[in-house]
Amino acid sequence: MRHHFYLGGLLLIVICYHLIAAEITAPKMEIIDTEQGRATSFPQGITIIDKETKITGTNALFWERDNVAEIFQVLIETPQFKITAETARYFFDEKRTMLKKTVRVESETLLIVTENLTLNNLANIVYSESDIFIREKIHNIEATGKNAQYNFKEQIAIIDIQPRLKIIGNSEDDAVVIQSRKMFLKNREAQFYALESVYAYSANTILQCESLIFYLNGDSGLARGNPKVIDNQNDAQGEVIKFFFGEDTSSAKNLSLNTVQIINSAVANYYSEDGKVEVWGKIFSIHYQAGKPYMIRIQSDNSSVVSGKYIFKEEI
């Protein structure tokens, strides 16, 4: 059922469908025939207000039979975020919007860019099967992949296909890149998870494991599932690997790997000034300067062969 009202030269249309109401305001309307059937055209712009969602566009078509509007050069505004796109289809009864071409979603803490996006207006969830770019603004991290969604109520992002995350410093040399088969970003808790075949690397260090959690506020992480650290010809592994980032005072870079700690059943192969050394013990702490390992501390237990402090060979 549709009602028309004229207010100050603007046409106000109240659409009621199974007790779900929305308001449309527009300067002009026309009834036209399209391939999808008879539609109402809004050639001079449109504004749709549906509960907390406001949708505006430069022009639009509305099919009353299907309760669907197609909107061009669209802007969607909610209390949590804004979305812009070239085109959108809004399904009034489902409270669902399908957006296409240069889609940008932005909130105070997040930016999402993709070519195709579906918005569940009631749940405040966006979803895309296309290539997607996500930037978390507070901690300066970027994620890419496909088959991704972000829940604005829970502040959780999930990337299921080809996920790749970059933690950015002042330059590309500072960046830490993480790849895996699946990724979660819990924005509210400032935690990032990578699962299955995890591969993380910086300029000089590679970390391999099956599960990884990174605490964004603490600049630290935890790797499990056969974790292994490799730098140049050096490598170390154990049951659990903790890693810590800190300021690199030797340069202008503000993000640098500071310490890697291998816990329980730790085994290392590395080059020192005395040549190649193989050691094992309870806890290894590998310390870094300017992104390169310079010292290893080994905490011994009854099964250790060597313990103490060792200096890496600078040139391999």
Foldseek 3Di string as FASTA:
>chain_A
DWDWDADPQKIWIWDADPNFIKIKIANDWDWDADPVGIWIKRQQKMWMGGPQKIKIARIWIADNVQQKIKGAQMWIDGPFKIKTAGIWIARRVQRKIKGAHFIWIDGPFKIKTFGIWMARRVQRKIWFQTWMWMAGHPQGKIKIAGGKMAGRVQRKIKHQGFIKMWRDKPDQQQIKIKTARMKMQRPVQQKIKHAQFIWIDHPFKIKTAGIKMARSVQQKIKGAHFIKMDGDPKIKTAGMKIWHWAQQPVDPIGTETAKIKHAHFMWIWAQAPVGIDIWTAGMKIFGDHPRHTFKIAHDHDPPTPDGGMTTGDPPD
